[in-house]
Amino acid sequence: MIVIIDYGMGNLRSVQNKLKMIGCMSDISSDPYIIAKADRIILPGVGHFANGMRKLSERNLIDILNKKVVIEKVPFLGICLGMQLMGSFSEEGSINGLGWINAKTVLFRINEADKYRYKVPHMGWNKVNIENSSKLFRDVPLNAQFYFVHSYHFLTDDTNLLVGTTHYYYDFVSCVEKDNIFGTQFHPEKSQDAGMQLLKNFVNL
């Protein structure tokens, strides 16, 4: 049972439709009772970090997510804001995250002279450079392009977490993995065949 977490931060139907294309049915829910039955969980999202944490708290989702992900070790995929919320802290709102990943979320640091060429948010297609092997990227071409829309990104010293980086002005963390926890800064649901394969790999973990 795949559950896509509904916490009011967007992109839910896009993820569900992409899963449907690969033959996987899913539920969109904020009901802890339904989430408790999940054997795969996806947390999408676009928007402000502090709002994301507030909405998770208001919908009483943090405890059930901790139980499913940290204790029961159910495979979990965070997408874009969903990935950032897995971290320990964000500059966007100066607020703590879920704390599952030893990483903080920071704003792109673009020098004033380069801001015309490197606009923030980083938006469009870009390559993920694989730093460590991951089941998420099985049968995904090495030159595959993925779709990004974000102003903030992960920063971590823990190289064990690192799956992939992407270059935009500098290299930033674009994919992480820790045990049953996976995160992509890009949007697999908007990344055509490569994104579909990545989601298929997650479902088949």
N, C-alpha and C. Protein backbone atom coordinates (compact mmCIF):
# COMPACT_ATOMS: atom_id res chain seq x y z
N MET A 1 0.85 -1.20 0.00
CA MET A 1 0.00 0.00 0.00
C MET A 1 0.88 1.25 0.00
N ILE A 2 0.75 2.07 -1.03
CA ILE A 2 1.51 3.30 -1.17
C ILE A 2 0.65 4.46 -0.73
N VAL A 3 1.16 5.26 0.21
CA VAL A 3 0.42 6.44 0.66
C VAL A 3 1.23 7.69 0.33
N ILE A 4 0.58 8.62 -0.35
CA ILE A 4 1.14 9.94 -0.63
C ILE A 4 0.59 10.89 0.43
N ILE A 5 1.48 11.51 1.19
CA ILE A 5 1.06 12.32 2.33
C ILE A 5 0.47 13.64 1.86
N ASP A 6 -0.76 13.90 2.28
CA ASP A 6 -1.44 15.15 1.98
C ASP A 6 -1.27 16.10 3.16
N TYR A 7 -0.40 17.09 3.01
CA TYR A 7 -0.25 18.10 4.06
C TYR A 7 -0.40 19.50 3.49
N GLY A 8 -1.08 19.57 2.31
CA GLY A 8 -1.44 20.85 1.74
C GLY A 8 -0.32 21.58 1.04
N MET A 9 0.72 20.84 0.57
CA MET A 9 1.86 21.49 -0.06
C MET A 9 2.06 21.08 -1.52
N GLY A 10 1.02 20.61 -2.18
CA GLY A 10 1.04 20.49 -3.63
C GLY A 10 1.66 19.23 -4.23
N ASN A 11 1.42 19.10 -5.57
CA ASN A 11 2.00 18.05 -6.41
C ASN A 11 1.51 16.64 -6.10
N LEU A 12 0.45 16.51 -5.35
CA LEU A 12 -0.02 15.19 -4.96
C LEU A 12 -0.54 14.40 -6.15
N ARG A 13 -1.41 15.01 -6.92
CA ARG A 13 -2.01 14.32 -8.07
C ARG A 13 -0.98 13.97 -9.12
N SER A 14 0.02 14.83 -9.30
CA SER A 14 1.07 14.54 -10.28
C SER A 14 1.81 13.26 -9.92
N VAL A 15 2.11 13.10 -8.63
CA VAL A 15 2.80 11.90 -8.17
C VAL A 15 1.88 10.69 -8.33
N GLN A 16 0.63 10.84 -7.93
CA GLN A 16 -0.30 9.73 -8.04
C GLN A 16 -0.50 9.30 -9.50
N ASN A 17 -0.61 10.26 -10.40
CA ASN A 17 -0.78 9.94 -11.82
C ASN A 17 0.43 9.23 -12.39
N LYS A 18 1.62 9.64 -11.97
CA LYS A 18 2.83 8.97 -12.46
C LYS A 18 2.89 7.54 -11.93
N LEU A 19 2.51 7.33 -10.68
CA LEU A 19 2.47 5.97 -10.14
C LEU A 19 1.46 5.12 -10.90
N LYS A 20 0.33 5.71 -11.24
CA LYS A 20 -0.69 4.99 -12.00
C LYS A 20 -0.16 4.55 -13.35
N MET A 21 0.68 5.39 -13.97
CA MET A 21 1.26 5.06 -15.28
C MET A 21 2.17 3.84 -15.22
N ILE A 22 2.75 3.58 -14.04
CA ILE A 22 3.60 2.39 -13.91
C ILE A 22 2.83 1.23 -13.28
N GLY A 23 1.52 1.39 -13.19
CA GLY A 23 0.68 0.30 -12.72
C GLY A 23 0.54 0.18 -11.23
N CYS A 24 0.81 1.27 -10.50
CA CYS A 24 0.75 1.23 -9.04
C CYS A 24 -0.36 2.14 -8.53
N MET A 25 -1.28 1.58 -7.78
CA MET A 25 -2.32 2.37 -7.16
C MET A 25 -1.80 2.95 -5.84
N SER A 26 -2.33 4.10 -5.48
CA SER A 26 -1.88 4.77 -4.26
C SER A 26 -3.04 5.53 -3.64
N ASP A 27 -2.89 5.84 -2.35
CA ASP A 27 -3.85 6.67 -1.64
C ASP A 27 -3.20 8.00 -1.29
N ILE A 28 -3.94 9.08 -1.47
CA ILE A 28 -3.54 10.39 -0.98
C ILE A 28 -4.26 10.63 0.33
N SER A 29 -3.52 10.85 1.41
CA SER A 29 -4.18 10.89 2.70
C SER A 29 -3.39 11.69 3.74
N SER A 30 -4.16 12.28 4.67
CA SER A 30 -3.57 12.87 5.87
C SER A 30 -4.12 12.16 7.11
N ASP A 31 -4.74 11.02 6.89
CA ASP A 31 -5.36 10.26 7.98
C ASP A 31 -4.32 9.31 8.60
N PRO A 32 -3.96 9.53 9.87
CA PRO A 32 -2.96 8.66 10.50
C PRO A 32 -3.34 7.18 10.46
N TYR A 33 -4.63 6.88 10.48
CA TYR A 33 -5.08 5.49 10.43
C TYR A 33 -4.70 4.84 9.10
N ILE A 34 -4.87 5.57 8.00
CA ILE A 34 -4.50 5.06 6.67
C ILE A 34 -2.99 4.99 6.54
N ILE A 35 -2.30 6.02 7.01
CA ILE A 35 -0.83 6.04 6.93
C ILE A 35 -0.23 4.88 7.71
N ALA A 36 -0.88 4.50 8.79
CA ALA A 36 -0.39 3.39 9.62
C ALA A 36 -0.35 2.07 8.86
N LYS A 37 -1.15 1.96 7.81
CA LYS A 37 -1.19 0.72 7.02
C LYS A 37 -0.18 0.72 5.86
N ALA A 38 0.47 1.84 5.63
CA ALA A 38 1.31 1.98 4.44
C ALA A 38 2.55 1.09 4.50
N ASP A 39 2.93 0.54 3.34
CA ASP A 39 4.23 -0.12 3.25
C ASP A 39 5.19 0.64 2.34
N ARG A 40 4.74 1.75 1.77
CA ARG A 40 5.57 2.72 1.07
C ARG A 40 4.94 4.09 1.32
N ILE A 41 5.78 5.10 1.61
CA ILE A 41 5.27 6.45 1.86
C ILE A 41 6.04 7.44 1.00
N ILE A 42 5.29 8.37 0.38
CA ILE A 42 5.89 9.43 -0.41
C ILE A 42 5.44 10.77 0.16
N LEU A 43 6.40 11.67 0.38
CA LEU A 43 6.12 13.02 0.86
C LEU A 43 6.56 14.01 -0.21
N PRO A 44 5.64 14.45 -1.08
CA PRO A 44 6.01 15.46 -2.08
C PRO A 44 5.98 16.85 -1.44
N GLY A 45 6.03 17.87 -2.28
CA GLY A 45 5.86 19.21 -1.74
C GLY A 45 6.60 20.29 -2.49
N VAL A 46 5.94 21.43 -2.56
CA VAL A 46 6.53 22.66 -3.10
C VAL A 46 6.11 23.78 -2.17
N GLY A 47 7.05 24.64 -1.79
CA GLY A 47 6.67 25.76 -0.94
C GLY A 47 7.68 26.03 0.16
N HIS A 48 7.23 26.74 1.17
CA HIS A 48 8.06 27.25 2.25
C HIS A 48 8.27 26.18 3.32
N PHE A 49 9.52 26.00 3.75
CA PHE A 49 9.87 24.97 4.72
C PHE A 49 9.08 25.10 6.02
N ALA A 50 9.05 26.30 6.58
CA ALA A 50 8.35 26.50 7.86
C ALA A 50 6.86 26.18 7.73
N ASN A 51 6.26 26.53 6.60
CA ASN A 51 4.85 26.20 6.38
C ASN A 51 4.66 24.69 6.31
N GLY A 52 5.61 24.01 5.67
CA GLY A 52 5.54 22.56 5.57
C GLY A 52 5.56 21.90 6.94
N MET A 53 6.49 22.31 7.80
CA MET A 53 6.55 21.74 9.15
C MET A 53 5.30 22.08 9.95
N ARG A 54 4.80 23.30 9.79
CA ARG A 54 3.59 23.71 10.51
C ARG A 54 2.41 22.85 10.09
N LYS A 55 2.26 22.62 8.80
CA LYS A 55 1.13 21.83 8.31
C LYS A 55 1.23 20.37 8.74
N LEU A 56 2.45 19.81 8.75
CA LEU A 56 2.61 18.45 9.27
C LEU A 56 2.17 18.36 10.72
N SER A 57 2.53 19.38 11.49
CA SER A 57 2.17 19.40 12.91
C SER A 57 0.67 19.59 13.09
N GLU A 58 0.07 20.52 12.35
CA GLU A 58 -1.36 20.80 12.48
C GLU A 58 -2.21 19.58 12.14
N ARG A 59 -1.72 18.76 11.22
CA ARG A 59 -2.49 17.58 10.81
C ARG A 59 -2.09 16.33 11.60
N ASN A 60 -1.30 16.54 12.65
CA ASN A 60 -0.90 15.44 13.54
C ASN A 60 -0.22 14.30 12.78
N LEU A 61 0.67 14.69 11.87
CA LEU A 61 1.34 13.70 11.03
C LEU A 61 2.75 13.35 11.49
N ILE A 62 3.34 14.16 12.34
CA ILE A 62 4.75 13.94 12.68
C ILE A 62 4.94 12.65 13.47
N ASP A 63 4.10 12.38 14.43
CA ASP A 63 4.25 11.17 15.24
C ASP A 63 4.08 9.90 14.40
N ILE A 64 3.06 9.86 13.55
CA ILE A 64 2.84 8.66 12.75
C ILE A 64 3.96 8.49 11.72
N LEU A 65 4.48 9.58 11.17
CA LEU A 65 5.59 9.47 10.23
C LEU A 65 6.85 8.97 10.94
N ASN A 66 7.12 9.47 12.13
CA ASN A 66 8.26 8.97 12.91
C ASN A 66 8.12 7.48 13.19
N LYS A 67 6.92 7.06 13.54
CA LYS A 67 6.68 5.65 13.84
C LYS A 67 6.91 4.78 12.61
N LYS A 68 6.34 5.19 11.48
CA LYS A 68 6.45 4.38 10.27
C LYS A 68 7.87 4.38 9.70
N VAL A 69 8.51 5.54 9.68
CA VAL A 69 9.79 5.68 9.00
C VAL A 69 10.97 5.32 9.90
N VAL A 70 10.98 5.84 11.11
CA VAL A 70 12.13 5.65 12.00
C VAL A 70 12.08 4.31 12.73
N ILE A 71 10.90 3.93 13.18
CA ILE A 71 10.77 2.70 13.99
C ILE A 71 10.50 1.48 13.11
N GLU A 72 9.48 1.59 12.25
CA GLU A 72 9.11 0.44 11.43
C GLU A 72 9.96 0.30 10.16
N LYS A 73 10.71 1.35 9.81
CA LYS A 73 11.63 1.32 8.66
C LYS A 73 10.91 1.10 7.33
N VAL A 74 9.73 1.66 7.21
CA VAL A 74 9.00 1.60 5.94
C VAL A 74 9.72 2.48 4.91
N PRO A 75 9.90 2.01 3.68
CA PRO A 75 10.54 2.84 2.66
C PRO A 75 9.81 4.17 2.48
N PHE A 76 10.60 5.25 2.46
CA PHE A 76 10.06 6.60 2.44
C PHE A 76 10.80 7.40 1.38
N LEU A 77 10.04 8.13 0.55
CA LEU A 77 10.62 8.99 -0.47
C LEU A 77 10.14 10.42 -0.27
N GLY A 78 11.08 11.34 -0.01
CA GLY A 78 10.77 12.75 0.06
C GLY A 78 11.16 13.43 -1.24
N ILE A 79 10.25 14.23 -1.79
CA ILE A 79 10.47 14.89 -3.07
C ILE A 79 10.48 16.40 -2.88
N CYS A 80 11.55 17.05 -3.33
CA CYS A 80 11.71 18.51 -3.29
C CYS A 80 11.57 19.00 -1.85
N LEU A 81 10.53 19.77 -1.52
CA LEU A 81 10.35 20.19 -0.13
C LEU A 81 10.25 18.99 0.80
N GLY A 82 9.64 17.90 0.32
CA GLY A 82 9.55 16.68 1.12
C GLY A 82 10.89 16.14 1.53
N MET A 83 11.88 16.26 0.63
CA MET A 83 13.25 15.86 0.97
C MET A 83 13.84 16.82 2.01
N GLN A 84 13.67 18.11 1.80
CA GLN A 84 14.24 19.08 2.73
C GLN A 84 13.69 18.92 4.14
N LEU A 85 12.41 18.59 4.25
CA LEU A 85 11.80 18.43 5.58
C LEU A 85 12.40 17.27 6.36
N MET A 86 13.06 16.32 5.67
CA MET A 86 13.69 15.20 6.36
C MET A 86 14.92 15.65 7.16
N GLY A 87 15.47 16.81 6.84
CA GLY A 87 16.71 17.26 7.44
C GLY A 87 16.55 17.81 8.84
N SER A 88 17.66 18.30 9.37
CA SER A 88 17.69 18.76 10.77
C SER A 88 17.26 20.21 10.95
N PHE A 89 17.49 21.04 9.91
CA PHE A 89 17.24 22.48 10.07
C PHE A 89 17.16 23.13 8.70
N SER A 90 16.40 24.23 8.62
CA SER A 90 16.36 25.01 7.38
C SER A 90 16.52 26.49 7.66
N GLU A 91 17.28 27.15 6.78
CA GLU A 91 17.37 28.61 6.82
C GLU A 91 16.03 29.25 6.45
N GLU A 92 15.21 28.54 5.70
CA GLU A 92 13.92 29.07 5.27
C GLU A 92 12.93 28.99 6.43
N GLY A 93 12.91 30.05 7.22
CA GLY A 93 12.08 30.09 8.41
C GLY A 93 12.85 29.83 9.68
N SER A 94 14.14 29.48 9.56
CA SER A 94 14.98 29.19 10.74
C SER A 94 14.27 28.24 11.69
N ILE A 95 13.99 27.05 11.19
CA ILE A 95 13.19 26.10 11.95
C ILE A 95 13.77 24.70 11.77
N ASN A 96 13.59 23.87 12.81
CA ASN A 96 14.05 22.48 12.73
C ASN A 96 13.13 21.66 11.83
N GLY A 97 13.74 20.64 11.18
CA GLY A 97 12.97 19.70 10.38
C GLY A 97 12.67 18.43 11.17
N LEU A 98 12.38 17.36 10.43
CA LEU A 98 12.05 16.09 11.06
C LEU A 98 13.27 15.44 11.71
N GLY A 99 14.47 15.79 11.24
CA GLY A 99 15.69 15.31 11.88
C GLY A 99 16.09 13.89 11.51
N TRP A 100 15.57 13.36 10.41
CA TRP A 100 15.92 12.00 10.00
C TRP A 100 17.25 11.95 9.27
N ILE A 101 17.65 13.07 8.68
CA ILE A 101 18.86 13.16 7.87
C ILE A 101 19.75 14.23 8.46
N ASN A 102 21.04 13.94 8.56
CA ASN A 102 22.01 14.90 9.09
C ASN A 102 22.37 15.91 7.99
N ALA A 103 21.44 16.83 7.75
CA ALA A 103 21.64 17.84 6.71
C ALA A 103 20.80 19.06 7.05
N LYS A 104 21.26 20.22 6.61
CA LYS A 104 20.45 21.42 6.74
C LYS A 104 20.15 21.97 5.35
N THR A 105 19.08 22.74 5.29
CA THR A 105 18.63 23.32 4.02
C THR A 105 19.04 24.78 3.98
N VAL A 106 19.74 25.14 2.89
CA VAL A 106 20.28 26.50 2.76
C VAL A 106 19.87 27.11 1.42
N LEU A 107 19.85 28.43 1.37
CA LEU A 107 19.55 29.15 0.15
C LEU A 107 20.75 29.07 -0.80
N PHE A 108 20.49 29.03 -2.10
CA PHE A 108 21.58 29.10 -3.07
C PHE A 108 22.41 30.36 -2.83
N ARG A 109 23.71 30.17 -2.77
CA ARG A 109 24.64 31.28 -2.57
C ARG A 109 25.20 31.70 -3.93
N ILE A 110 24.57 32.70 -4.56
CA ILE A 110 24.99 33.18 -5.88
C ILE A 110 25.60 34.57 -5.71
N ASN A 111 26.82 34.75 -6.19
CA ASN A 111 27.44 36.06 -6.13
C ASN A 111 26.62 37.08 -6.93
N GLU A 112 26.63 38.31 -6.48
CA GLU A 112 25.82 39.35 -7.10
C GLU A 112 26.11 39.46 -8.60
N ALA A 113 27.38 39.34 -8.98
CA ALA A 113 27.76 39.48 -10.39
C ALA A 113 27.23 38.36 -11.26
N ASP A 114 26.87 37.23 -10.65
CA ASP A 114 26.44 36.06 -11.42
C ASP A 114 24.93 35.83 -11.36
N LYS A 115 24.19 36.71 -10.68
CA LYS A 115 22.76 36.46 -10.47
C LYS A 115 21.93 36.59 -11.75
N TYR A 116 22.46 37.29 -12.75
CA TYR A 116 21.72 37.39 -14.01
C TYR A 116 21.76 36.07 -14.75
N ARG A 117 22.91 35.40 -14.70
CA ARG A 117 23.07 34.11 -15.40
C ARG A 117 22.48 32.96 -14.59
N TYR A 118 22.71 32.97 -13.29
CA TYR A 118 22.23 31.89 -12.42
C TYR A 118 21.07 32.41 -11.56
N LYS A 119 19.89 32.28 -12.10
CA LYS A 119 18.72 32.79 -11.41
C LYS A 119 18.25 31.81 -10.33
N VAL A 120 17.67 32.38 -9.29
CA VAL A 120 17.06 31.59 -8.22
C VAL A 120 15.58 31.97 -8.17
N PRO A 121 14.67 30.99 -8.26
CA PRO A 121 14.92 29.56 -8.13
C PRO A 121 15.62 28.93 -9.33
N HIS A 122 16.36 27.87 -9.03
CA HIS A 122 16.90 26.98 -10.07
C HIS A 122 15.71 26.23 -10.65
N MET A 123 15.47 26.44 -11.93
CA MET A 123 14.28 25.88 -12.55
C MET A 123 14.62 25.29 -13.92
N GLY A 124 14.26 24.02 -14.12
CA GLY A 124 14.47 23.40 -15.42
C GLY A 124 15.16 22.05 -15.30
N TRP A 125 15.66 21.58 -16.44
CA TRP A 125 16.23 20.25 -16.55
C TRP A 125 17.71 20.27 -16.24
N ASN A 126 18.15 19.27 -15.48
CA ASN A 126 19.57 19.18 -15.14
C ASN A 126 19.92 17.72 -14.85
N LYS A 127 21.21 17.45 -14.90
CA LYS A 127 21.71 16.09 -14.72
C LYS A 127 22.03 15.82 -13.25
N VAL A 128 21.82 14.58 -12.82
CA VAL A 128 22.24 14.13 -11.50
C VAL A 128 23.49 13.29 -11.66
N ASN A 129 24.57 13.73 -11.03
CA ASN A 129 25.83 13.00 -11.07
C ASN A 129 25.87 12.01 -9.91
N ILE A 130 25.90 10.73 -10.23
CA ILE A 130 25.82 9.69 -9.20
C ILE A 130 27.15 9.59 -8.46
N GLU A 131 27.10 9.81 -7.15
CA GLU A 131 28.29 9.76 -6.30
C GLU A 131 28.42 8.41 -5.60
N ASN A 132 27.30 7.80 -5.24
CA ASN A 132 27.28 6.47 -4.62
C ASN A 132 26.09 5.70 -5.20
N SER A 133 26.27 4.41 -5.35
CA SER A 133 25.22 3.61 -5.97
C SER A 133 23.96 3.60 -5.10
N SER A 134 22.82 3.52 -5.76
CA SER A 134 21.53 3.48 -5.07
C SER A 134 20.56 2.67 -5.90
N LYS A 135 19.72 1.92 -5.21
CA LYS A 135 18.68 1.16 -5.91
C LYS A 135 17.70 2.07 -6.64
N LEU A 136 17.60 3.32 -6.21
CA LEU A 136 16.70 4.25 -6.89
C LEU A 136 17.08 4.46 -8.34
N PHE A 137 18.37 4.36 -8.65
CA PHE A 137 18.83 4.67 -10.00
C PHE A 137 19.10 3.44 -10.85
N ARG A 138 18.62 2.28 -10.42
CA ARG A 138 18.76 1.09 -11.23
C ARG A 138 18.05 1.27 -12.57
N ASP A 139 18.76 1.02 -13.66
CA ASP A 139 18.24 1.12 -15.03
C ASP A 139 17.89 2.55 -15.44
N VAL A 140 18.35 3.55 -14.69
CA VAL A 140 18.22 4.94 -15.10
C VAL A 140 19.50 5.33 -15.85
N PRO A 141 19.41 5.82 -17.07
CA PRO A 141 20.61 6.18 -17.84
C PRO A 141 21.47 7.22 -17.11
N LEU A 142 22.78 7.07 -17.23
CA LEU A 142 23.69 7.97 -16.54
C LEU A 142 23.55 9.42 -16.99
N ASN A 143 23.13 9.62 -18.23
CA ASN A 143 22.99 10.99 -18.75
C ASN A 143 21.57 11.52 -18.62
N ALA A 144 20.74 10.86 -17.83
CA ALA A 144 19.34 11.26 -17.69
C ALA A 144 19.22 12.67 -17.10
N GLN A 145 18.23 13.40 -17.57
CA GLN A 145 17.94 14.73 -17.07
C GLN A 145 16.69 14.67 -16.17
N PHE A 146 16.71 15.46 -15.10
CA PHE A 146 15.60 15.52 -14.17
C PHE A 146 15.15 16.96 -14.01
N TYR A 147 13.90 17.13 -13.61
CA TYR A 147 13.32 18.48 -13.55
C TYR A 147 13.39 19.04 -12.12
N PHE A 148 13.92 20.26 -12.02
CA PHE A 148 14.12 20.94 -10.73
C PHE A 148 13.33 22.24 -10.68
N VAL A 149 12.80 22.55 -9.48
CA VAL A 149 12.26 23.87 -9.17
C VAL A 149 12.52 24.11 -7.69
N HIS A 150 13.55 24.90 -7.37
CA HIS A 150 13.87 25.13 -5.95
C HIS A 150 14.83 26.30 -5.78
N SER A 151 14.73 26.93 -4.62
CA SER A 151 15.64 28.01 -4.23
C SER A 151 16.60 27.59 -3.13
N TYR A 152 16.26 26.51 -2.44
CA TYR A 152 17.06 26.00 -1.32
C TYR A 152 17.53 24.59 -1.65
N HIS A 153 18.58 24.16 -0.98
CA HIS A 153 19.12 22.82 -1.21
C HIS A 153 19.77 22.29 0.06
N PHE A 154 19.98 20.98 0.09
CA PHE A 154 20.64 20.33 1.22
C PHE A 154 22.12 20.69 1.28
N LEU A 155 22.62 20.80 2.50
CA LEU A 155 24.05 20.92 2.77
C LEU A 155 24.38 19.93 3.87
N THR A 156 25.33 19.03 3.61
CA THR A 156 25.70 18.02 4.61
C THR A 156 27.16 17.64 4.49
N ASP A 157 27.77 17.30 5.62
CA ASP A 157 29.14 16.78 5.63
C ASP A 157 29.15 15.26 5.64
N ASP A 158 27.98 14.64 5.72
CA ASP A 158 27.88 13.19 5.81
C ASP A 158 27.86 12.58 4.41
N THR A 159 29.03 12.17 3.94
CA THR A 159 29.13 11.61 2.59
C THR A 159 28.42 10.27 2.45
N ASN A 160 28.14 9.61 3.57
CA ASN A 160 27.41 8.34 3.51
C ASN A 160 25.97 8.52 3.04
N LEU A 161 25.44 9.72 3.20
CA LEU A 161 24.07 10.00 2.77
C LEU A 161 23.98 10.26 1.27
N LEU A 162 25.08 10.62 0.68
CA LEU A 162 25.08 11.20 -0.65
C LEU A 162 24.89 10.16 -1.74
N VAL A 163 23.85 10.34 -2.54
CA VAL A 163 23.65 9.52 -3.74
C VAL A 163 24.03 10.29 -4.98
N GLY A 164 23.52 11.52 -5.11
CA GLY A 164 23.79 12.29 -6.32
C GLY A 164 23.94 13.77 -6.05
N THR A 165 24.71 14.44 -6.91
CA THR A 165 24.84 15.89 -6.88
C THR A 165 24.47 16.45 -8.24
N THR A 166 24.16 17.72 -8.25
CA THR A 166 23.83 18.41 -9.49
C THR A 166 24.56 19.75 -9.50
N HIS A 167 24.98 20.18 -10.68
CA HIS A 167 25.72 21.44 -10.78
C HIS A 167 24.79 22.56 -11.23
N TYR A 168 24.69 23.58 -10.40
CA TYR A 168 24.05 24.84 -10.77
C TYR A 168 24.78 25.94 -10.02
N TYR A 169 25.69 26.59 -10.71
CA TYR A 169 26.65 27.55 -10.14
C TYR A 169 27.72 26.82 -9.33
N TYR A 170 27.31 25.87 -8.51
CA TYR A 170 28.21 24.96 -7.82
C TYR A 170 27.49 23.62 -7.66
N ASP A 171 28.20 22.62 -7.17
CA ASP A 171 27.57 21.32 -6.95
C ASP A 171 26.75 21.35 -5.66
N PHE A 172 25.53 20.83 -5.74
CA PHE A 172 24.69 20.72 -4.55
C PHE A 172 24.11 19.31 -4.46
N VAL A 173 23.68 18.94 -3.27
CA VAL A 173 23.12 17.61 -3.04
C VAL A 173 21.74 17.53 -3.69
N SER A 174 21.55 16.56 -4.58
CA SER A 174 20.26 16.43 -5.26
C SER A 174 19.57 15.10 -5.00
N CYS A 175 20.26 14.16 -4.32
CA CYS A 175 19.62 12.89 -3.97
C CYS A 175 20.35 12.28 -2.78
N VAL A 176 19.59 11.79 -1.80
CA VAL A 176 20.18 11.20 -0.60
C VAL A 176 19.51 9.86 -0.29
N GLU A 177 20.22 9.07 0.51
CA GLU A 177 19.69 7.78 0.96
C GLU A 177 20.27 7.46 2.33
N LYS A 178 19.40 7.03 3.22
CA LYS A 178 19.84 6.55 4.53
C LYS A 178 18.92 5.39 4.92
N ASP A 179 19.44 4.19 4.83
CA ASP A 179 18.64 2.99 5.15
C ASP A 179 17.36 2.97 4.29
N ASN A 180 16.21 3.12 4.92
CA ASN A 180 14.93 3.09 4.21
C ASN A 180 14.45 4.46 3.74
N ILE A 181 15.28 5.48 3.95
CA ILE A 181 14.88 6.87 3.68
C ILE A 181 15.59 7.37 2.42
N PHE A 182 14.80 7.89 1.47
CA PHE A 182 15.32 8.39 0.21
C PHE A 182 14.79 9.80 -0.03
N GLY A 183 15.59 10.63 -0.68
CA GLY A 183 15.14 11.97 -0.99
C GLY A 183 15.68 12.43 -2.33
N THR A 184 14.82 13.13 -3.09
CA THR A 184 15.25 13.74 -4.35
C THR A 184 14.89 15.21 -4.34
N GLN A 185 15.86 16.07 -4.63
CA GLN A 185 15.55 17.49 -4.75
C GLN A 185 14.77 17.76 -6.03
N PHE A 186 14.98 16.95 -7.03
CA PHE A 186 14.25 17.08 -8.30
C PHE A 186 12.88 16.40 -8.18
N HIS A 187 12.08 16.59 -9.21
CA HIS A 187 10.72 16.04 -9.25
C HIS A 187 10.67 14.84 -10.19
N PRO A 188 10.73 13.61 -9.67
CA PRO A 188 10.64 12.45 -10.57
C PRO A 188 9.30 12.39 -11.29
N GLU A 189 8.24 12.90 -10.66
CA GLU A 189 6.91 12.86 -11.28
C GLU A 189 6.81 13.78 -12.49
N LYS A 190 7.79 14.69 -12.66
CA LYS A 190 7.81 15.60 -13.81
C LYS A 190 9.00 15.31 -14.74
N SER A 191 9.68 14.19 -14.50
CA SER A 191 10.94 13.91 -15.20
C SER A 191 10.83 12.80 -16.23
N GLN A 192 9.68 12.66 -16.82
CA GLN A 192 9.47 11.76 -17.95
C GLN A 192 9.94 10.33 -17.64
N ASP A 193 10.61 9.69 -18.61
CA ASP A 193 10.94 8.27 -18.47
C ASP A 193 11.90 8.00 -17.31
N ALA A 194 12.88 8.89 -17.12
CA ALA A 194 13.85 8.68 -16.03
C ALA A 194 13.16 8.76 -14.68
N GLY A 195 12.25 9.72 -14.52
CA GLY A 195 11.52 9.83 -13.27
C GLY A 195 10.59 8.66 -13.04
N MET A 196 10.00 8.16 -14.12
CA MET A 196 9.11 7.01 -14.01
C MET A 196 9.89 5.78 -13.55
N GLN A 197 11.09 5.59 -14.10
CA GLN A 197 11.92 4.46 -13.70
C GLN A 197 12.33 4.58 -12.24
N LEU A 198 12.67 5.79 -11.81
CA LEU A 198 13.06 5.99 -10.41
C LEU A 198 11.90 5.66 -9.47
N LEU A 199 10.70 6.10 -9.80
CA LEU A 199 9.55 5.78 -8.97
C LEU A 199 9.27 4.28 -8.97
N LYS A 200 9.45 3.64 -10.12
CA LYS A 200 9.26 2.19 -10.20
C LYS A 200 10.27 1.48 -9.29
N ASN A 201 11.50 1.99 -9.28
CA ASN A 201 12.53 1.39 -8.42
C ASN A 201 12.16 1.55 -6.94
N PHE A 202 11.62 2.72 -6.59
CA PHE A 202 11.21 2.93 -5.20
C PHE A 202 10.10 1.97 -4.81
N VAL A 203 9.11 1.83 -5.67
CA VAL A 203 7.99 0.93 -5.38
C VAL A 203 8.47 -0.50 -5.20
N ASN A 204 9.50 -0.88 -5.96
CA ASN A 204 9.99 -2.26 -5.95
C ASN A 204 11.07 -2.53 -4.92
N LEU A 205 11.36 -1.59 -4.04
CA LEU A 205 12.37 -1.81 -3.01
C LEU A 205 12.01 -3.00 -2.12
